[in-house]
Amino acid sequence: MVKNPNLAKSISDQGWGMFLTMLKYAEKFGHVYQEIGRFFPSSQLCSDTLLPIPMLQNGYDSLGFRFVDCPHCLHQHDRDINAAINIRNEGLRLWALGTSASAQGGDVRPKSPGRKKSMAAEAIPRELGSLH
């Protein structure tokens, strides 16, 4: 990109910032934008069992290892695809925390008999031709 590494990093950071701005803008048109935690171990968890992969926990986290073997599910995972699945699942989990899905299909706030309704919710729409 550029010979100056500091300038190259600044240009790269600006590109990511613009990309995030575009994603947040798309949220205004009905799309979902969900951020996950910065330190979520997406590449160190098995996407099938959600257990840590010991090979990656024991110092073999070099980017030279593109495939990892999970001793829990006995599958070989591509690190990039495994991380992408984990990121998607974590985003869906965080998104579901605010819905009734986290209450196992029940109402998150059950109505109590003593709860009063807001007056704004009981407003009567005006009739056609009415002056009031």
C-alpha atoms as a PDB file:
ATOM      1  CA  MET A   1       0.000   0.000   0.000  1.00  0.00           C
ATOM      2  CA  VAL A   2       2.469   2.647   1.199  1.00  0.00           C
ATOM      3  CA  LYS A   3       6.115   2.424   2.220  1.00  0.00           C
ATOM      4  CA  ASN A   4       5.444   4.155   5.549  1.00  0.00           C
ATOM      5  CA  PRO A   5       3.936   1.462   7.847  1.00  0.00           C
ATOM      6  CA  ASN A   6       2.278   4.018  10.146  1.00  0.00           C
ATOM      7  CA  LEU A   7       0.523   5.666   7.223  1.00  0.00           C
ATOM      8  CA  ALA A   8      -0.531   2.266   5.862  1.00  0.00           C
ATOM      9  CA  LYS A   9      -2.088   1.398   9.235  1.00  0.00           C
ATOM     10  CA  SER A  10      -3.941   4.715   9.311  1.00  0.00           C
ATOM     11  CA  ILE A  11      -5.327   4.120   5.823  1.00  0.00           C
ATOM     12  CA  SER A  12      -6.379   0.588   6.788  1.00  0.00           C
ATOM     13  CA  ASP A  13      -8.059   1.833   9.979  1.00  0.00           C
ATOM     14  CA  GLN A  14      -9.912   4.471   7.973  1.00  0.00           C
ATOM     15  CA  GLY A  15     -11.136   1.791   5.570  1.00  0.00           C
ATOM     16  CA  TRP A  16     -12.497  -0.363   8.406  1.00  0.00           C
ATOM     17  CA  GLY A  17     -14.114   2.679   9.983  1.00  0.00           C
ATOM     18  CA  MET A  18     -15.875   3.512   6.730  1.00  0.00           C
ATOM     19  CA  PHE A  19     -16.986  -0.113   6.354  1.00  0.00           C
ATOM     20  CA  LEU A  20     -18.518  -0.082   9.862  1.00  0.00           C
ATOM     21  CA  THR A  21     -20.255   3.211   9.078  1.00  0.00           C
ATOM     22  CA  MET A  22     -21.821   1.616   5.999  1.00  0.00           C
ATOM     23  CA  LEU A  23     -23.013  -1.373   8.033  1.00  0.00           C
ATOM     24  CA  LYS A  24     -24.554   0.874  10.695  1.00  0.00           C
ATOM     25  CA  TYR A  25     -26.242   2.919   7.958  1.00  0.00           C
ATOM     26  CA  ALA A  26     -27.806  -0.240   6.508  1.00  0.00           C
ATOM     27  CA  GLU A  27     -29.428  -0.848   9.901  1.00  0.00           C
ATOM     28  CA  LYS A  28     -31.683   2.158   9.266  1.00  0.00           C
ATOM     29  CA  PHE A  29     -33.226   0.286   6.343  1.00  0.00           C
ATOM     30  CA  GLY A  30     -34.256  -2.814   8.276  1.00  0.00           C
ATOM     31  CA  HIS A  31     -31.009  -4.780   8.363  1.00  0.00           C
ATOM     32  CA  VAL A  32     -29.564  -6.083  11.624  1.00  0.00           C
ATOM     33  CA  TYR A  33     -26.208  -4.777  12.850  1.00  0.00           C
ATOM     34  CA  GLN A  34     -24.842  -6.661  15.866  1.00  0.00           C
ATOM     35  CA  GLU A  35     -21.347  -6.279  17.327  1.00  0.00           C
ATOM     36  CA  ILE A  36     -19.739  -9.023  19.374  1.00  0.00           C
ATOM     37  CA  GLY A  37     -17.082  -8.598  22.040  1.00  0.00           C
ATOM     38  CA  ARG A  38     -13.602  -7.681  20.903  1.00  0.00           C
ATOM     39  CA  PHE A  39     -11.990 -10.515  22.853  1.00  0.00           C
ATOM     40  CA  PHE A  40     -14.486 -13.254  21.936  1.00  0.00           C
ATOM     41  CA  PRO A  41     -12.336 -16.371  21.208  1.00  0.00           C
ATOM     42  CA  SER A  42     -13.932 -17.100  17.842  1.00  0.00           C
ATOM     43  CA  SER A  43     -11.048 -19.095  16.387  1.00  0.00           C
ATOM     44  CA  GLN A  44     -10.258 -21.031  19.574  1.00  0.00           C
ATOM     45  CA  LEU A  45     -13.661 -22.662  20.091  1.00  0.00           C
ATOM     46  CA  CYS A  46     -15.058 -25.654  18.234  1.00  0.00           C
ATOM     47  CA  SER A  47     -18.149 -24.510  16.323  1.00  0.00           C
ATOM     48  CA  ASP A  48     -19.859 -27.878  16.948  1.00  0.00           C
ATOM     49  CA  THR A  49     -19.277 -28.338  20.688  1.00  0.00           C
ATOM     50  CA  LEU A  50     -18.353 -24.756  21.772  1.00  0.00           C
ATOM     51  CA  LEU A  51     -15.484 -26.245  23.768  1.00  0.00           C
ATOM     52  CA  PRO A  52     -11.932 -24.866  23.512  1.00  0.00           C
ATOM     53  CA  ILE A  53      -9.676 -26.656  21.049  1.00  0.00           C
ATOM     54  CA  PRO A  54      -6.663 -27.754  23.139  1.00  0.00           C
ATOM     55  CA  MET A  55      -4.269 -27.522  20.190  1.00  0.00           C
ATOM     56  CA  LEU A  56      -4.936 -23.781  19.981  1.00  0.00           C
ATOM     57  CA  GLN A  57      -4.803 -23.330  23.746  1.00  0.00           C
ATOM     58  CA  ASN A  58      -1.330 -24.912  24.012  1.00  0.00           C
ATOM     59  CA  GLY A  59       0.612 -22.471  21.872  1.00  0.00           C
ATOM     60  CA  TYR A  60      -0.116 -23.905  18.412  1.00  0.00           C
ATOM     61  CA  ASP A  61      -2.040 -20.796  17.454  1.00  0.00           C
ATOM     62  CA  SER A  62       0.323 -19.894  14.632  1.00  0.00           C
ATOM     63  CA  LEU A  63      -1.456 -18.786  11.487  1.00  0.00           C
ATOM     64  CA  GLY A  64       0.501 -21.481   9.648  1.00  0.00           C
ATOM     65  CA  PHE A  65      -1.955 -24.080  10.989  1.00  0.00           C
ATOM     66  CA  ARG A  66      -4.993 -23.647   8.720  1.00  0.00           C
ATOM     67  CA  PHE A  67      -6.804 -26.793   9.857  1.00  0.00           C
ATOM     68  CA  VAL A  68      -7.262 -27.932  13.445  1.00  0.00           C
ATOM     69  CA  ASP A  69      -8.464 -31.242  14.862  1.00  0.00           C
ATOM     70  CA  CYS A  70     -11.041 -31.072  17.638  1.00  0.00           C
ATOM     71  CA  PRO A  71     -10.682 -33.977  20.099  1.00  0.00           C
ATOM     72  CA  HIS A  72     -14.240 -33.427  21.373  1.00  0.00           C
ATOM     73  CA  CYS A  73     -16.172 -33.893  18.112  1.00  0.00           C
ATOM     74  CA  LEU A  74     -13.360 -35.663  16.192  1.00  0.00           C
ATOM     75  CA  HIS A  75     -13.683 -33.340  13.191  1.00  0.00           C
ATOM     76  CA  GLN A  76     -11.079 -31.338  11.346  1.00  0.00           C
ATOM     77  CA  HIS A  77     -12.060 -27.660  11.073  1.00  0.00           C
ATOM     78  CA  ASP A  78     -10.794 -24.948   8.770  1.00  0.00           C
ATOM     79  CA  ARG A  79      -9.847 -22.137  11.162  1.00  0.00           C
ATOM     80  CA  ASP A  80     -11.421 -19.338   9.107  1.00  0.00           C
ATOM     81  CA  ILE A  81     -14.722 -21.129   8.537  1.00  0.00           C
ATOM     82  CA  ASN A  82     -14.832 -22.267  12.166  1.00  0.00           C
ATOM     83  CA  ALA A  83     -14.276 -18.670  13.356  1.00  0.00           C
ATOM     84  CA  ALA A  84     -16.932 -17.335  10.961  1.00  0.00           C
ATOM     85  CA  ILE A  85     -19.492 -19.848  12.266  1.00  0.00           C
ATOM     86  CA  ASN A  86     -18.632 -18.936  15.866  1.00  0.00           C
ATOM     87  CA  ILE A  87     -18.973 -15.200  15.124  1.00  0.00           C
ATOM     88  CA  ARG A  88     -22.361 -15.744  13.453  1.00  0.00           C
ATOM     89  CA  ASN A  89     -23.617 -17.878  16.345  1.00  0.00           C
ATOM     90  CA  GLU A  90     -22.427 -15.365  18.959  1.00  0.00           C
ATOM     91  CA  GLY A  91     -24.093 -12.518  17.085  1.00  0.00           C
ATOM     92  CA  LEU A  92     -27.369 -14.443  16.902  1.00  0.00           C
ATOM     93  CA  ARG A  93     -27.112 -15.295  20.602  1.00  0.00           C
ATOM     94  CA  LEU A  94     -26.589 -11.645  21.566  1.00  0.00           C
ATOM     95  CA  TRP A  95     -29.395 -10.536  19.258  1.00  0.00           C
ATOM     96  CA  ALA A  96     -31.789 -13.063  20.812  1.00  0.00           C
ATOM     97  CA  LEU A  97     -31.119 -11.796  24.335  1.00  0.00           C
ATOM     98  CA  GLY A  98     -33.574  -8.951  23.785  1.00  0.00           C
ATOM     99  CA  THR A  99     -36.384 -11.097  22.356  1.00  0.00           C
ATOM    100  CA  SER A 100     -38.744 -13.740  23.669  1.00  0.00           C
ATOM    101  CA  ALA A 101     -36.373 -16.391  22.286  1.00  0.00           C
ATOM    102  CA  SER A 102     -34.258 -15.953  25.416  1.00  0.00           C
ATOM    103  CA  ALA A 103     -37.362 -16.625  27.538  1.00  0.00           C
ATOM    104  CA  GLN A 104     -37.892 -19.973  25.765  1.00  0.00           C
ATOM    105  CA  GLY A 105     -40.963 -18.770  23.920  1.00  0.00           C
ATOM    106  CA  GLY A 106     -42.576 -17.092  26.921  1.00  0.00           C
ATOM    107  CA  ASP A 107     -43.347 -13.442  27.475  1.00  0.00           C
ATOM    108  CA  VAL A 108     -40.293 -11.606  28.763  1.00  0.00           C
ATOM    109  CA  ARG A 109     -42.444  -9.291  30.884  1.00  0.00           C
ATOM    110  CA  PRO A 110     -45.579 -11.120  31.983  1.00  0.00           C
ATOM    111  CA  LYS A 111     -48.536  -8.841  32.693  1.00  0.00           C
ATOM    112  CA  SER A 112     -49.600  -8.656  36.306  1.00  0.00           C
ATOM    113  CA  PRO A 113     -53.243  -7.993  37.181  1.00  0.00           C
ATOM    114  CA  GLY A 114     -52.359  -4.724  38.959  1.00  0.00           C
ATOM    115  CA  ARG A 115     -50.453  -3.240  36.043  1.00  0.00           C
ATOM    116  CA  LYS A 116     -52.035  -0.091  34.599  1.00  0.00           C
ATOM    117  CA  LYS A 117     -52.056   0.718  30.923  1.00  0.00           C
ATOM    118  CA  SER A 118     -50.684   3.964  29.624  1.00  0.00           C
ATOM    119  CA  MET A 119     -53.219   6.580  28.570  1.00  0.00           C
ATOM    120  CA  ALA A 120     -51.364   6.960  25.275  1.00  0.00           C
ATOM    121  CA  ALA A 121     -52.077   3.321  24.456  1.00  0.00           C
ATOM    122  CA  GLU A 122     -55.825   3.887  24.942  1.00  0.00           C
ATOM    123  CA  ALA A 123     -56.116   6.949  22.714  1.00  0.00           C
ATOM    124  CA  ILE A 124     -59.216   6.979  20.516  1.00  0.00           C
ATOM    125  CA  PRO A 125     -58.614   7.800  16.857  1.00  0.00           C
ATOM    126  CA  ARG A 126     -60.476  10.833  15.527  1.00  0.00           C
ATOM    127  CA  GLU A 127     -63.465  10.214  13.341  1.00  0.00           C
ATOM    128  CA  LEU A 128     -63.639  11.571   9.833  1.00  0.00           C
ATOM    129  CA  GLY A 129     -65.421  14.920   9.639  1.00  0.00           C
ATOM    130  CA  SER A 130     -64.948  15.669  13.336  1.00  0.00           C
ATOM    131  CA  LEU A 131     -63.635  19.112  14.271  1.00  0.00           C
ATOM    132  CA  HIS A 132     -62.368  18.075  17.693  1.00  0.00           C
END
